[in-house]
Amino acid sequence: MTRSDIKRIILVLGILAPLIYIQIGPGVAPEWLNQRVAGIPGTVIATTLWFITMMGLAIQFAKKQVIESQHGEESES
């Protein structure tokens, strides 16, 4: 496990923490999450935005790993 892998894990856990906090139960989330925007609960919006962020990070991590593996293959040749 490289240092960059550890940084990625810490970043993902840092982004995961608010979602866990939101989903703990009623009365725990901030008041603005209990409101509705265009009829959609704030928790649904927050969870969706979190998911989009995580998928974007997954894509970035995958691209970085592909680039790193290509550089590794080039140096071995």
PDB file of N, CA and C in Angstrom:
ATOM      1  N   MET A   1       0.856  -1.171   0.000  1.00  0.00           N
ATOM      2  CA  MET A   1       0.000   0.000   0.000  1.00  0.00           C
ATOM      3  C   MET A   1       0.903   1.235   0.000  1.00  0.00           C
ATOM      4  N   THR A   2       0.669   2.091  -0.963  1.00  0.00           N
ATOM      5  CA  THR A   2       1.500   3.287  -1.091  1.00  0.00           C
ATOM      6  C   THR A   2       0.901   4.446  -0.309  1.00  0.00           C
ATOM      7  N   ARG A   3       1.680   5.489  -0.207  1.00  0.00           N
ATOM      8  CA  ARG A   3       1.230   6.682   0.507  1.00  0.00           C
ATOM      9  C   ARG A   3      -0.005   7.289  -0.172  1.00  0.00           C
ATOM     10  N   SER A   4      -0.043   7.257  -1.507  1.00  0.00           N
ATOM     11  CA  SER A   4      -1.198   7.818  -2.218  1.00  0.00           C
ATOM     12  C   SER A   4      -2.462   7.000  -1.944  1.00  0.00           C
ATOM     13  N   ASP A   5      -2.313   5.682  -1.761  1.00  0.00           N
ATOM     14  CA  ASP A   5      -3.474   4.856  -1.409  1.00  0.00           C
ATOM     15  C   ASP A   5      -4.024   5.248  -0.044  1.00  0.00           C
ATOM     16  N   ILE A   6      -3.131   5.498   0.896  1.00  0.00           N
ATOM     17  CA  ILE A   6      -3.555   5.898   2.239  1.00  0.00           C
ATOM     18  C   ILE A   6      -4.267   7.244   2.183  1.00  0.00           C
ATOM     19  N   LYS A   7      -3.743   8.174   1.388  1.00  0.00           N
ATOM     20  CA  LYS A   7      -4.390   9.484   1.236  1.00  0.00           C
ATOM     21  C   LYS A   7      -5.780   9.326   0.630  1.00  0.00           C
ATOM     22  N   ARG A   8      -5.925   8.436  -0.331  1.00  0.00           N
ATOM     23  CA  ARG A   8      -7.236   8.204  -0.952  1.00  0.00           C
ATOM     24  C   ARG A   8      -8.221   7.638   0.062  1.00  0.00           C
ATOM     25  N   ILE A   9      -7.776   6.703   0.874  1.00  0.00           N
ATOM     26  CA  ILE A   9      -8.651   6.110   1.889  1.00  0.00           C
ATOM     27  C   ILE A   9      -9.106   7.174   2.876  1.00  0.00           C
ATOM     28  N   ILE A  10      -8.187   8.020   3.327  1.00  0.00           N
ATOM     29  CA  ILE A  10      -8.541   9.085   4.268  1.00  0.00           C
ATOM     30  C   ILE A  10      -9.528  10.053   3.630  1.00  0.00           C
ATOM     31  N   LEU A  11      -9.314  10.399   2.367  1.00  0.00           N
ATOM     32  CA  LEU A  11     -10.229  11.303   1.668  1.00  0.00           C
ATOM     33  C   LEU A  11     -11.628  10.706   1.573  1.00  0.00           C
ATOM     34  N   VAL A  12     -11.712   9.443   1.199  1.00  0.00           N
ATOM     35  CA  VAL A  12     -13.016   8.791   1.064  1.00  0.00           C
ATOM     36  C   VAL A  12     -13.716   8.709   2.419  1.00  0.00           C
ATOM     37  N   LEU A  13     -12.984   8.365   3.468  1.00  0.00           N
ATOM     38  CA  LEU A  13     -13.588   8.308   4.801  1.00  0.00           C
ATOM     39  C   LEU A  13     -14.051   9.687   5.253  1.00  0.00           C
ATOM     40  N   GLY A  14     -13.279  10.719   4.899  1.00  0.00           N
ATOM     41  CA  GLY A  14     -13.680  12.080   5.236  1.00  0.00           C
ATOM     42  C   GLY A  14     -14.963  12.496   4.540  1.00  0.00           C
ATOM     43  N   ILE A  15     -15.133  12.047   3.312  1.00  0.00           N
ATOM     44  CA  ILE A  15     -16.361  12.359   2.583  1.00  0.00           C
ATOM     45  C   ILE A  15     -17.511  11.475   3.062  1.00  0.00           C
ATOM     46  N   LEU A  16     -17.192  10.283   3.517  1.00  0.00           N
ATOM     47  CA  LEU A  16     -18.217   9.357   3.992  1.00  0.00           C
ATOM     48  C   LEU A  16     -18.799   9.780   5.340  1.00  0.00           C
ATOM     49  N   ALA A  17     -18.009  10.442   6.165  1.00  0.00           N
ATOM     50  CA  ALA A  17     -18.446  10.811   7.514  1.00  0.00           C
ATOM     51  C   ALA A  17     -19.751  11.617   7.538  1.00  0.00           C
ATOM     52  N   PRO A  18     -19.911  12.660   6.710  1.00  0.00           N
ATOM     53  CA  PRO A  18     -21.179  13.399   6.751  1.00  0.00           C
ATOM     54  C   PRO A  18     -22.387  12.547   6.364  1.00  0.00           C
ATOM     55  N   LEU A  19     -22.199  11.632   5.427  1.00  0.00           N
ATOM     56  CA  LEU A  19     -23.320  10.780   5.028  1.00  0.00           C
ATOM     57  C   LEU A  19     -23.743   9.889   6.185  1.00  0.00           C
ATOM     58  N   ILE A  20     -22.780   9.333   6.885  1.00  0.00           N
ATOM     59  CA  ILE A  20     -23.103   8.506   8.050  1.00  0.00           C
ATOM     60  C   ILE A  20     -23.827   9.353   9.087  1.00  0.00           C
ATOM     61  N   TYR A  21     -23.355  10.570   9.307  1.00  0.00           N
ATOM     62  CA  TYR A  21     -23.978  11.473  10.269  1.00  0.00           C
ATOM     63  C   TYR A  21     -25.424  11.764   9.884  1.00  0.00           C
ATOM     64  N   ILE A  22     -25.659  12.007   8.604  1.00  0.00           N
ATOM     65  CA  ILE A  22     -27.006  12.318   8.122  1.00  0.00           C
ATOM     66  C   ILE A  22     -27.935  11.125   8.302  1.00  0.00           C
ATOM     67  N   GLN A  23     -27.441   9.919   8.064  1.00  0.00           N
ATOM     68  CA  GLN A  23     -28.283   8.726   8.051  1.00  0.00           C
ATOM     69  C   GLN A  23     -28.464   8.088   9.425  1.00  0.00           C
ATOM     70  N   ILE A  24     -27.851   8.642  10.473  1.00  0.00           N
ATOM     71  CA  ILE A  24     -27.939   8.034  11.805  1.00  0.00           C
ATOM     72  C   ILE A  24     -29.385   7.924  12.266  1.00  0.00           C
ATOM     73  N   GLY A  25     -30.151   8.954  12.045  1.00  0.00           N
ATOM     74  CA  GLY A  25     -31.543   8.856  12.460  1.00  0.00           C
ATOM     75  C   GLY A  25     -32.227  10.206  12.508  1.00  0.00           C
ATOM     76  N   PRO A  26     -33.515  10.188  12.829  1.00  0.00           N
ATOM     77  CA  PRO A  26     -34.277  11.439  12.875  1.00  0.00           C
ATOM     78  C   PRO A  26     -33.784  12.352  13.994  1.00  0.00           C
ATOM     79  N   GLY A  27     -33.785  13.630  13.707  1.00  0.00           N
ATOM     80  CA  GLY A  27     -33.384  14.607  14.705  1.00  0.00           C
ATOM     81  C   GLY A  27     -31.882  14.820  14.780  1.00  0.00           C
ATOM     82  N   VAL A  28     -31.107  14.056  14.038  1.00  0.00           N
ATOM     83  CA  VAL A  28     -29.652  14.179  14.094  1.00  0.00           C
ATOM     84  C   VAL A  28     -29.151  15.134  13.019  1.00  0.00           C
ATOM     85  N   ALA A  29     -29.748  15.067  11.857  1.00  0.00           N
ATOM     86  CA  ALA A  29     -29.315  15.896  10.730  1.00  0.00           C
ATOM     87  C   ALA A  29     -29.620  17.369  11.015  1.00  0.00           C
ATOM     88  N   PRO A  30     -28.838  18.272  10.431  1.00  0.00           N
ATOM     89  CA  PRO A  30     -29.123  19.701  10.584  1.00  0.00           C
ATOM     90  C   PRO A  30     -30.529  20.034  10.078  1.00  0.00           C
ATOM     91  N   GLU A  31     -31.073  21.121  10.566  1.00  0.00           N
ATOM     92  CA  GLU A  31     -32.455  21.499  10.243  1.00  0.00           C
ATOM     93  C   GLU A  31     -32.679  21.667   8.741  1.00  0.00           C
ATOM     94  N   TRP A  32     -31.693  22.204   8.025  1.00  0.00           N
ATOM     95  CA  TRP A  32     -31.892  22.432   6.593  1.00  0.00           C
ATOM     96  C   TRP A  32     -32.067  21.126   5.830  1.00  0.00           C
ATOM     97  N   LEU A  33     -31.573  20.014   6.371  1.00  0.00           N
ATOM     98  CA  LEU A  33     -31.764  18.730   5.699  1.00  0.00           C
ATOM     99  C   LEU A  33     -33.181  18.197   5.881  1.00  0.00           C
ATOM    100  N   ASN A  34     -33.859  18.665   6.911  1.00  0.00           N
ATOM    101  CA  ASN A  34     -35.227  18.214   7.146  1.00  0.00           C
ATOM    102  C   ASN A  34     -36.227  18.956   6.265  1.00  0.00           C
ATOM    103  N   GLN A  35     -35.780  20.005   5.600  1.00  0.00           N
ATOM    104  CA  GLN A  35     -36.661  20.772   4.721  1.00  0.00           C
ATOM    105  C   GLN A  35     -36.741  20.106   3.358  1.00  0.00           C
ATOM    106  N   ARG A  36     -37.679  20.602   2.551  1.00  0.00           N
ATOM    107  CA  ARG A  36     -37.852  20.069   1.198  1.00  0.00           C
ATOM    108  C   ARG A  36     -37.523  21.156   0.179  1.00  0.00           C
ATOM    109  N   VAL A  37     -36.900  20.728  -0.912  1.00  0.00           N
ATOM    110  CA  VAL A  37     -36.598  21.631  -2.023  1.00  0.00           C
ATOM    111  C   VAL A  37     -37.325  21.067  -3.233  1.00  0.00           C
ATOM    112  N   ALA A  38     -38.279  21.804  -3.749  1.00  0.00           N
ATOM    113  CA  ALA A  38     -39.104  21.353  -4.874  1.00  0.00           C
ATOM    114  C   ALA A  38     -39.745  20.001  -4.562  1.00  0.00           C
ATOM    115  N   GLY A  39     -40.127  19.817  -3.303  1.00  0.00           N
ATOM    116  CA  GLY A  39     -40.801  18.587  -2.900  1.00  0.00           C
ATOM    117  C   GLY A  39     -39.880  17.423  -2.592  1.00  0.00           C
ATOM    118  N   ILE A  40     -38.569  17.628  -2.716  1.00  0.00           N
ATOM    119  CA  ILE A  40     -37.603  16.550  -2.468  1.00  0.00           C
ATOM    120  C   ILE A  40     -36.947  16.792  -1.109  1.00  0.00           C
ATOM    121  N   PRO A  41     -36.931  15.774  -0.234  1.00  0.00           N
ATOM    122  CA  PRO A  41     -36.299  15.949   1.083  1.00  0.00           C
ATOM    123  C   PRO A  41     -34.812  16.291   0.962  1.00  0.00           C
ATOM    124  N   GLY A  42     -34.341  17.128   1.871  1.00  0.00           N
ATOM    125  CA  GLY A  42     -32.938  17.534   1.867  1.00  0.00           C
ATOM    126  C   GLY A  42     -31.985  16.363   1.995  1.00  0.00           C
ATOM    127  N   THR A  43     -32.383  15.334   2.752  1.00  0.00           N
ATOM    128  CA  THR A  43     -31.495  14.176   2.913  1.00  0.00           C
ATOM    129  C   THR A  43     -31.301  13.447   1.585  1.00  0.00           C
ATOM    130  N   VAL A  44     -32.344  13.409   0.764  1.00  0.00           N
ATOM    131  CA  VAL A  44     -32.225  12.758  -0.546  1.00  0.00           C
ATOM    132  C   VAL A  44     -31.268  13.552  -1.435  1.00  0.00           C
ATOM    133  N   ILE A  45     -31.392  14.861  -1.408  1.00  0.00           N
ATOM    134  CA  ILE A  45     -30.506  15.714  -2.207  1.00  0.00           C
ATOM    135  C   ILE A  45     -29.061  15.555  -1.735  1.00  0.00           C
ATOM    136  N   ALA A  46     -28.855  15.592  -0.415  1.00  0.00           N
ATOM    137  CA  ALA A  46     -27.499  15.469   0.129  1.00  0.00           C
ATOM    138  C   ALA A  46     -26.891  14.111  -0.209  1.00  0.00           C
ATOM    139  N   THR A  47     -27.681  13.051  -0.083  1.00  0.00           N
ATOM    140  CA  THR A  47     -27.180  11.709  -0.386  1.00  0.00           C
ATOM    141  C   THR A  47     -26.848  11.579  -1.867  1.00  0.00           C
ATOM    142  N   THR A  48     -27.677  12.155  -2.728  1.00  0.00           N
ATOM    143  CA  THR A  48     -27.426  12.105  -4.170  1.00  0.00           C
ATOM    144  C   THR A  48     -26.150  12.862  -4.527  1.00  0.00           C
ATOM    145  N   LEU A  49     -25.977  14.048  -3.955  1.00  0.00           N
ATOM    146  CA  LEU A  49     -24.762  14.819  -4.215  1.00  0.00           C
ATOM    147  C   LEU A  49     -23.528  14.081  -3.708  1.00  0.00           C
ATOM    148  N   TRP A  50     -23.665  13.433  -2.544  1.00  0.00           N
ATOM    149  CA  TRP A  50     -22.553  12.646  -2.006  1.00  0.00           C
ATOM    150  C   TRP A  50     -22.203  11.511  -2.965  1.00  0.00           C
ATOM    151  N   PHE A  51     -23.217  10.829  -3.478  1.00  0.00           N
ATOM    152  CA  PHE A  51     -22.992   9.713  -4.393  1.00  0.00           C
ATOM    153  C   PHE A  51     -22.293  10.185  -5.665  1.00  0.00           C
ATOM    154  N   ILE A  52     -22.746  11.303  -6.216  1.00  0.00           N
ATOM    155  CA  ILE A  52     -22.124  11.854  -7.421  1.00  0.00           C
ATOM    156  C   ILE A  52     -20.658  12.200  -7.148  1.00  0.00           C
ATOM    157  N   THR A  53     -20.395  12.797  -5.989  1.00  0.00           N
ATOM    158  CA  THR A  53     -19.021  13.128  -5.611  1.00  0.00           C
ATOM    159  C   THR A  53     -18.161  11.881  -5.513  1.00  0.00           C
ATOM    160  N   MET A  54     -18.688  10.840  -4.878  1.00  0.00           N
ATOM    161  CA  MET A  54     -17.925   9.602  -4.717  1.00  0.00           C
ATOM    162  C   MET A  54     -17.661   8.936  -6.067  1.00  0.00           C
ATOM    163  N   MET A  55     -18.631   8.958  -6.958  1.00  0.00           N
ATOM    164  CA  MET A  55     -18.418   8.366  -8.281  1.00  0.00           C
ATOM    165  C   MET A  55     -17.371   9.166  -9.059  1.00  0.00           C
ATOM    166  N   GLY A  56     -17.407  10.487  -8.930  1.00  0.00           N
ATOM    167  CA  GLY A  56     -16.390  11.318  -9.569  1.00  0.00           C
ATOM    168  C   GLY A  56     -15.001  11.010  -9.034  1.00  0.00           C
ATOM    169  N   LEU A  57     -14.908  10.830  -7.710  1.00  0.00           N
ATOM    170  CA  LEU A  57     -13.623  10.468  -7.120  1.00  0.00           C
ATOM    171  C   LEU A  57     -13.165   9.097  -7.592  1.00  0.00           C
ATOM    172  N   ALA A  58     -14.091   8.162  -7.688  1.00  0.00           N
ATOM    173  CA  ALA A  58     -13.736   6.815  -8.146  1.00  0.00           C
ATOM    174  C   ALA A  58     -13.167   6.868  -9.561  1.00  0.00           C
ATOM    175  N   ILE A  59     -13.763   7.699 -10.404  1.00  0.00           N
ATOM    176  CA  ILE A  59     -13.262   7.850 -11.774  1.00  0.00           C
ATOM    177  C   ILE A  59     -11.859   8.452 -11.764  1.00  0.00           C
ATOM    178  N   GLN A  60     -11.660   9.481 -10.939  1.00  0.00           N
ATOM    179  CA  GLN A  60     -10.339  10.104 -10.861  1.00  0.00           C
ATOM    180  C   GLN A  60      -9.290   9.125 -10.352  1.00  0.00           C
ATOM    181  N   PHE A  61      -9.645   8.352  -9.319  1.00  0.00           N
ATOM    182  CA  PHE A  61      -8.706   7.367  -8.776  1.00  0.00           C
ATOM    183  C   PHE A  61      -8.381   6.303  -9.818  1.00  0.00           C
ATOM    184  N   ALA A  62      -9.392   5.861 -10.555  1.00  0.00           N
ATOM    185  CA  ALA A  62      -9.171   4.833 -11.579  1.00  0.00           C
ATOM    186  C   ALA A  62      -8.252   5.363 -12.680  1.00  0.00           C
ATOM    187  N   LYS A  63      -8.482   6.599 -13.113  1.00  0.00           N
ATOM    188  CA  LYS A  63      -7.619   7.195 -14.137  1.00  0.00           C
ATOM    189  C   LYS A  63      -6.178   7.279 -13.645  1.00  0.00           C
ATOM    190  N   LYS A  64      -6.021   7.700 -12.393  1.00  0.00           N
ATOM    191  CA  LYS A  64      -4.678   7.828 -11.834  1.00  0.00           C
ATOM    192  C   LYS A  64      -3.992   6.467 -11.755  1.00  0.00           C
ATOM    193  N   GLN A  65      -4.726   5.441 -11.363  1.00  0.00           N
ATOM    194  CA  GLN A  65      -4.141   4.103 -11.278  1.00  0.00           C
ATOM    195  C   GLN A  65      -3.754   3.575 -12.657  1.00  0.00           C
ATOM    196  N   VAL A  66      -4.571   3.869 -13.669  1.00  0.00           N
ATOM    197  CA  VAL A  66      -4.238   3.441 -15.034  1.00  0.00           C
ATOM    198  C   VAL A  66      -2.954   4.125 -15.489  1.00  0.00           C
ATOM    199  N   ILE A  67      -2.852   5.414 -15.234  1.00  0.00           N
ATOM    200  CA  ILE A  67      -1.646   6.152 -15.623  1.00  0.00           C
ATOM    201  C   ILE A  67      -0.429   5.604 -14.890  1.00  0.00           C
ATOM    202  N   GLU A  68      -0.572   5.353 -13.580  1.00  0.00           N
ATOM    203  CA  GLU A  68       0.545   4.811 -12.803  1.00  0.00           C
ATOM    204  C   GLU A  68       0.946   3.431 -13.310  1.00  0.00           C
ATOM    205  N   SER A  69      -0.028   2.597 -13.648  1.00  0.00           N
ATOM    206  CA  SER A  69       0.307   1.253 -14.127  1.00  0.00           C
ATOM    207  C   SER A  69       0.957   1.312 -15.512  1.00  0.00           C
ATOM    208  N   GLN A  70       0.542   2.258 -16.352  1.00  0.00           N
ATOM    209  CA  GLN A  70       1.167   2.401 -17.667  1.00  0.00           C
ATOM    210  C   GLN A  70       2.613   2.860 -17.531  1.00  0.00           C
ATOM    211  N   HIS A  71       2.856   3.767 -16.587  1.00  0.00           N
ATOM    212  CA  HIS A  71       4.229   4.217 -16.363  1.00  0.00           C
ATOM    213  C   HIS A  71       5.073   3.085 -15.799  1.00  0.00           C
ATOM    214  N   GLY A  72       4.471   2.248 -14.975  1.00  0.00           N
ATOM    215  CA  GLY A  72       5.185   1.095 -14.425  1.00  0.00           C
ATOM    216  C   GLY A  72       5.554   0.099 -15.501  1.00  0.00           C
ATOM    217  N   GLU A  73       4.647  -0.130 -16.442  1.00  0.00           N
ATOM    218  CA  GLU A  73       4.916  -1.057 -17.545  1.00  0.00           C
ATOM    219  C   GLU A  73       5.995  -0.509 -18.471  1.00  0.00           C
ATOM    220  N   GLU A  74       5.991   0.810 -18.702  1.00  0.00           N
ATOM    221  CA  GLU A  74       6.991   1.423 -19.574  1.00  0.00           C
ATOM    222  C   GLU A  74       8.382   1.324 -18.959  1.00  0.00           C
ATOM    223  N   SER A  75       8.472   1.507 -17.645  1.00  0.00           N
ATOM    224  CA  SER A  75       9.782   1.459 -17.000  1.00  0.00           C
ATOM    225  C   SER A  75      10.321   0.031 -16.940  1.00  0.00           C
ATOM    226  N   GLU A  76       9.428  -0.970 -16.936  1.00  0.00           N
ATOM    227  CA  GLU A  76       9.862  -2.360 -16.923  1.00  0.00           C
ATOM    228  C   GLU A  76      10.378  -2.798 -18.290  1.00  0.00           C
ATOM    229  N   SER A  77       9.890  -2.165 -19.353  1.00  0.00           N
ATOM    230  CA  SER A  77      10.277  -2.558 -20.724  1.00  0.00           C
ATOM    231  C   SER A  77      11.673  -2.112 -21.067  1.00  0.00           C
TER     232      SER A  77
END
